[in-house]
N, C-alpha and C. Protein backbone atom coordinates (compact mmCIF):
# COMPACT_ATOMS: atom_id res chain seq x y z
N MET A 1 98.75 80.07 88.55
CA MET A 1 99.80 80.51 89.48
C MET A 1 99.55 81.93 90.24
N LYS A 2 99.95 82.15 91.37
CA LYS A 2 99.94 83.44 91.99
C LYS A 2 101.17 83.88 92.63
N VAL A 3 101.27 85.32 92.24
CA VAL A 3 102.74 85.82 92.77
C VAL A 3 102.61 86.89 93.56
N ASN A 4 103.29 87.33 94.91
CA ASN A 4 103.20 88.06 95.61
C ASN A 4 104.46 89.17 95.13
N VAL A 5 104.30 90.31 94.96
CA VAL A 5 105.66 91.05 94.77
C VAL A 5 105.67 91.97 96.30
N LEU A 6 106.83 92.02 96.80
CA LEU A 6 106.92 92.71 98.01
C LEU A 6 107.73 93.87 97.57
N ALA A 7 107.55 95.32 97.40
CA ALA A 7 108.30 96.33 97.00
C ALA A 7 108.33 97.69 97.94
N ALA A 8 109.53 97.88 98.16
CA ALA A 8 109.54 99.29 98.99
C ALA A 8 108.44 100.55 98.32
N SER A 9 108.64 100.48 97.12
CA SER A 9 107.96 101.62 96.29
C SER A 9 107.46 100.90 94.96
N PHE A 10 106.45 101.27 94.27
CA PHE A 10 106.09 100.83 93.24
C PHE A 10 105.33 101.91 92.31
N TYR A 11 105.04 101.67 90.81
CA TYR A 11 104.65 102.79 89.98
C TYR A 11 103.58 103.23 90.77
N PRO A 12 103.16 104.69 90.66
CA PRO A 12 103.76 105.57 89.92
C PRO A 12 104.92 106.37 90.48
N ALA A 13 105.56 105.68 91.36
CA ALA A 13 106.76 106.49 92.26
C ALA A 13 108.19 106.61 91.19
N VAL A 14 107.93 107.15 90.10
CA VAL A 14 108.93 107.14 89.32
C VAL A 14 110.07 107.99 89.59
N ILE A 15 109.98 108.75 90.55
CA ILE A 15 110.94 109.36 91.33
C ILE A 15 112.62 108.69 91.40
N TYR A 16 111.99 107.16 91.82
CA TYR A 16 113.45 106.38 91.74
C TYR A 16 114.01 106.06 90.95
N GLY A 17 113.18 106.23 89.36
CA GLY A 17 113.74 105.81 88.27
C GLY A 17 113.58 104.40 87.75
N GLY A 18 114.38 103.57 86.89
CA GLY A 18 114.29 102.43 86.27
C GLY A 18 113.61 101.14 87.10
N PRO A 19 114.08 101.17 88.08
CA PRO A 19 113.64 99.94 88.92
C PRO A 19 112.06 99.99 89.00
N ILE A 20 111.60 100.93 89.13
CA ILE A 20 109.98 100.93 89.35
C ILE A 20 109.36 100.61 88.07
N LEU A 21 109.96 101.21 87.04
CA LEU A 21 109.48 100.64 85.67
C LEU A 21 109.76 99.22 85.30
N SER A 22 110.65 98.74 85.91
CA SER A 22 111.15 97.46 85.43
C SER A 22 110.29 96.27 86.26
N VAL A 23 110.26 96.66 87.72
CA VAL A 23 109.08 95.76 88.54
C VAL A 23 107.74 95.96 87.67
N LEU A 24 107.21 97.25 87.24
CA LEU A 24 106.13 97.22 86.83
C LEU A 24 105.77 96.40 85.57
N GLY A 25 107.11 96.23 84.73
CA GLY A 25 106.92 95.70 83.33
C GLY A 25 106.98 94.16 83.73
N GLN A 26 107.74 93.64 84.65
CA GLN A 26 107.45 92.40 85.01
C GLN A 26 106.26 91.89 85.60
N CYS A 27 105.68 92.78 86.44
CA CYS A 27 104.39 92.12 86.84
C CYS A 27 103.15 92.52 85.61
N LYS A 28 103.46 93.36 84.76
CA LYS A 28 102.32 93.22 83.85
C LYS A 28 102.64 92.18 82.89
N ALA A 29 103.78 91.74 82.78
CA ALA A 29 104.13 90.62 81.80
C ALA A 29 103.61 89.10 82.34
N LEU A 30 103.78 89.07 83.81
CA LEU A 30 103.03 87.88 84.37
C LEU A 30 101.67 87.96 84.25
N ALA A 31 101.04 89.12 84.33
CA ALA A 31 99.61 89.20 84.38
C ALA A 31 99.24 88.62 83.18
N ASP A 32 99.94 89.06 81.99
CA ASP A 32 99.82 88.93 80.62
C ASP A 32 99.93 87.19 80.31
N LEU A 33 100.64 86.61 81.17
CA LEU A 33 100.70 84.93 81.03
C LEU A 33 99.71 84.33 82.16
N ASP A 34 98.43 84.93 82.40
CA ASP A 34 97.67 84.58 83.24
C ASP A 34 97.92 84.16 84.68
N VAL A 35 99.10 84.91 85.20
CA VAL A 35 99.66 84.69 86.57
C VAL A 35 98.82 85.77 87.30
N ASP A 36 98.15 85.50 88.56
CA ASP A 36 97.60 86.13 89.43
C ASP A 36 98.74 87.09 90.14
N VAL A 37 98.91 88.43 90.10
CA VAL A 37 100.09 89.26 90.53
C VAL A 37 99.44 90.12 91.75
N ARG A 38 99.75 90.32 92.94
CA ARG A 38 99.59 91.21 93.71
C ARG A 38 100.87 91.61 94.32
N VAL A 39 100.60 92.98 94.42
CA VAL A 39 102.03 93.72 94.61
C VAL A 39 101.73 94.60 96.15
N ILE A 40 102.67 94.09 96.94
CA ILE A 40 102.65 94.90 98.39
C ILE A 40 103.77 96.07 98.23
N THR A 41 103.20 97.25 98.82
CA THR A 41 104.17 98.34 98.46
C THR A 41 103.62 99.29 99.49
N THR A 42 104.62 100.59 99.51
CA THR A 42 104.19 101.70 100.19
C THR A 42 103.77 102.85 99.51
N ASN A 43 103.32 103.89 99.71
CA ASN A 43 103.01 105.10 98.91
C ASN A 43 104.18 106.10 98.96
N ALA A 44 105.72 105.50 99.17
CA ALA A 44 106.70 106.41 99.12
C ALA A 44 107.14 106.84 97.70
N ASN A 45 107.34 108.30 97.73
CA ASN A 45 107.97 108.74 96.45
C ASN A 45 108.89 109.95 96.89
N GLY A 46 109.70 109.64 97.10
CA GLY A 46 110.92 110.40 97.50
C GLY A 46 110.50 111.29 98.83
N GLU A 47 110.66 112.57 98.83
CA GLU A 47 110.10 112.99 99.95
C GLU A 47 108.63 113.54 100.06
N GLU A 48 108.19 113.01 99.10
CA GLU A 48 106.25 113.29 98.90
C GLU A 48 105.98 111.60 99.21
N LYS A 49 104.92 111.70 99.14
CA LYS A 49 103.87 110.35 99.05
C LYS A 49 103.07 110.45 97.99
N LEU A 50 102.68 108.95 97.17
CA LEU A 50 101.72 109.06 96.08
C LEU A 50 100.50 109.41 96.89
N ASN A 51 99.57 110.03 95.81
CA ASN A 51 98.09 110.40 95.97
C ASN A 51 97.51 109.04 95.13
N VAL A 52 97.41 107.79 96.32
CA VAL A 52 96.91 106.90 96.19
C VAL A 52 96.21 106.31 97.13
N SER A 53 95.09 105.84 97.00
CA SER A 53 94.31 104.96 98.15
C SER A 53 95.28 103.77 98.97
N VAL A 54 95.20 104.01 100.19
CA VAL A 54 95.95 102.78 100.99
C VAL A 54 95.05 101.88 101.63
N ASP A 55 95.73 100.80 101.94
CA ASP A 55 95.29 99.69 102.62
C ASP A 55 93.97 99.06 101.96
N ARG A 56 94.08 98.80 100.67
CA ARG A 56 93.14 98.15 99.97
C ARG A 56 93.83 97.97 98.31
N PHE A 57 93.66 96.67 97.93
CA PHE A 57 93.92 96.70 96.63
C PHE A 57 93.43 97.41 95.66
N ILE A 58 94.27 97.86 94.68
CA ILE A 58 93.82 98.52 93.49
C ILE A 58 93.89 97.98 92.19
N ASP A 59 92.91 97.50 91.53
CA ASP A 59 93.42 96.77 90.13
C ASP A 59 94.05 97.69 89.15
N ILE A 60 94.99 97.36 88.63
CA ILE A 60 95.70 98.01 87.66
C ILE A 60 95.36 97.54 86.08
N GLN A 61 95.25 96.05 86.08
CA GLN A 61 94.84 95.34 85.03
C GLN A 61 94.33 94.21 85.19
N PRO A 62 93.60 93.36 84.52
CA PRO A 62 93.14 91.80 84.96
C PRO A 62 94.39 91.18 85.47
N ARG A 63 94.00 90.73 86.63
CA ARG A 63 95.06 89.94 87.20
C ARG A 63 96.27 90.37 87.73
N LEU A 64 96.34 91.85 87.88
CA LEU A 64 97.41 92.66 88.54
C LEU A 64 96.78 93.57 89.56
N ALA A 65 96.97 93.38 90.77
CA ALA A 65 96.53 94.45 91.48
C ALA A 65 97.53 95.09 92.57
N VAL A 66 97.17 96.16 93.40
CA VAL A 66 98.57 96.71 94.05
C VAL A 66 97.77 97.27 95.31
N ILE A 67 98.55 96.84 96.42
CA ILE A 67 98.03 97.60 97.51
C ILE A 67 98.95 98.35 98.27
N TYR A 68 98.88 99.57 98.43
CA TYR A 68 99.78 100.43 99.04
C TYR A 68 99.38 100.90 100.44
N TYR A 69 100.64 100.92 101.27
CA TYR A 69 100.52 101.12 102.79
C TYR A 69 101.26 102.55 103.13
N ASN A 70 100.82 103.24 104.02
CA ASN A 70 100.99 104.51 104.26
C ASN A 70 102.58 104.39 104.64
N ASP A 71 103.63 105.02 103.78
CA ASP A 71 104.97 105.35 104.11
C ASP A 71 105.22 105.80 105.64
N THR A 72 105.79 105.55 106.45
CA THR A 72 106.26 106.24 107.63
C THR A 72 107.73 106.50 107.59
N VAL A 73 107.77 107.95 107.59
CA VAL A 73 109.25 108.48 107.19
C VAL A 73 110.39 108.05 107.67
N ILE A 74 110.42 107.53 109.13
CA ILE A 74 111.35 106.84 109.84
C ILE A 74 111.99 105.75 109.03
N GLY A 75 113.29 106.13 108.55
CA GLY A 75 113.96 105.21 108.12
C GLY A 75 113.37 104.45 106.66
N ARG A 76 112.31 104.92 106.17
CA ARG A 76 111.50 104.45 104.97
C ARG A 76 110.96 103.03 105.59
N PHE A 77 110.22 103.03 106.58
CA PHE A 77 109.73 101.95 107.05
C PHE A 77 108.39 102.16 107.06
N SER A 78 107.29 100.93 106.77
CA SER A 78 105.95 100.95 106.85
C SER A 78 105.42 99.88 107.87
N ALA A 79 105.02 100.49 109.04
CA ALA A 79 104.70 99.72 110.15
C ALA A 79 103.35 99.04 109.50
N SER A 80 102.34 99.47 109.03
CA SER A 80 101.22 98.80 108.18
C SER A 80 101.55 97.94 107.58
N MET A 81 102.59 98.16 106.52
CA MET A 81 102.89 96.87 105.73
C MET A 81 103.50 95.83 106.50
N ALA A 82 104.18 96.10 107.40
CA ALA A 82 104.92 95.05 108.11
C ALA A 82 103.89 94.22 108.98
N ALA A 83 103.23 94.90 109.37
CA ALA A 83 102.17 94.19 110.25
C ALA A 83 101.03 93.54 109.69
N SER A 84 101.00 93.68 108.13
CA SER A 84 99.99 92.95 107.42
C SER A 84 100.47 91.88 106.62
N THR A 85 101.74 91.97 106.20
CA THR A 85 102.55 91.17 105.35
C THR A 85 102.45 89.67 106.12
N PRO A 86 102.49 89.28 107.22
CA PRO A 86 102.18 87.87 107.50
C PRO A 86 100.98 87.28 107.39
N ASN A 87 100.17 88.18 107.27
CA ASN A 87 98.74 87.76 106.97
C ASN A 87 98.67 87.64 105.52
N GLY A 88 99.05 88.59 104.65
CA GLY A 88 98.78 88.52 103.24
C GLY A 88 99.58 87.70 102.57
N ALA A 89 100.57 87.19 102.99
CA ALA A 89 101.63 86.27 102.36
C ALA A 89 101.76 85.12 103.28
N SER A 90 100.98 84.77 104.03
CA SER A 90 101.29 83.72 104.97
C SER A 90 101.19 82.32 104.37
N ASN A 91 100.50 82.08 103.11
CA ASN A 91 100.77 80.83 102.45
C ASN A 91 101.93 80.86 101.51
N CYS A 92 102.73 81.85 101.32
CA CYS A 92 103.60 82.02 100.39
C CYS A 92 105.19 81.34 100.78
N ILE A 93 105.73 80.61 99.64
CA ILE A 93 107.09 80.23 99.57
C ILE A 93 107.99 80.93 98.90
N SER A 94 109.19 81.57 99.58
CA SER A 94 110.32 82.26 98.68
C SER A 94 110.55 81.44 97.40
N CYS A 95 110.52 82.24 96.32
CA CYS A 95 111.08 81.67 95.06
C CYS A 95 112.85 81.00 95.31
N SER A 96 113.41 81.34 96.17
CA SER A 96 114.83 80.91 96.42
C SER A 96 114.68 79.47 97.26
N ASP A 97 113.50 79.34 97.78
CA ASP A 97 113.34 78.07 98.43
C ASP A 97 112.70 77.08 97.80
N THR A 98 112.58 77.37 96.43
CA THR A 98 111.64 76.47 95.51
C THR A 98 112.20 76.49 94.21
N LYS A 99 111.98 75.41 93.50
CA LYS A 99 112.39 75.01 91.99
C LYS A 99 111.52 76.17 91.22
N ARG A 100 112.16 76.99 90.50
CA ARG A 100 111.60 78.02 89.65
C ARG A 100 111.36 77.61 88.37
N SER A 101 110.39 77.91 87.58
CA SER A 101 110.20 77.71 86.21
C SER A 101 110.92 78.90 85.48
N ALA A 102 111.23 78.49 84.45
CA ALA A 102 112.09 79.65 83.18
C ALA A 102 111.40 80.94 83.26
N ARG A 103 110.08 80.82 83.43
CA ARG A 103 109.63 82.03 83.45
C ARG A 103 109.25 82.76 84.92
N SER A 104 109.60 82.15 85.86
CA SER A 104 109.43 83.02 87.05
C SER A 104 110.65 83.97 87.46
N PRO A 105 110.41 85.24 87.70
CA PRO A 105 111.42 86.11 87.56
C PRO A 105 112.17 85.99 89.12
N PRO A 106 113.28 86.17 89.51
CA PRO A 106 113.78 86.05 90.67
C PRO A 106 113.15 87.30 91.72
N ASN A 107 113.39 87.09 93.11
CA ASN A 107 113.00 88.03 94.00
C ASN A 107 111.51 88.26 94.15
N MET A 108 110.63 87.33 93.66
CA MET A 108 109.24 87.39 93.74
C MET A 108 108.87 86.08 94.74
N THR A 109 107.79 86.12 95.12
CA THR A 109 107.22 85.22 96.20
C THR A 109 106.31 84.27 95.52
N GLN A 110 106.08 83.04 95.47
CA GLN A 110 105.12 82.31 94.95
C GLN A 110 104.15 81.84 95.82
N HIS A 111 103.06 81.67 95.21
CA HIS A 111 101.95 80.98 96.37
C HIS A 111 102.27 79.49 96.01
N ALA A 112 102.10 78.48 97.18
CA ALA A 112 102.29 77.14 97.08
C ALA A 112 101.16 76.56 96.51
């Protein structure tokens, strides 16, 4: 199974508190269950930007990779993330549109 996670911000952007760590924990748990997880996010970190490579996937652990896009400060919008999402997730179906297994967390996208 493959899962894409779209998030406005992601670890190590801990300035936003618990949700960042919750999403990281969910992603790691899925990867530990042999699910291929790809996180699509920005380098947003409050008023700062994360010091991470952008526009390429970075392996966090086996089966878990993150791609950070440059956060454009205007309304917390990333033009490069928006432009690439149709290509990166073109074969995905929203979990809300499909029957989820008990292990599938909400607010994630599953590959068909």
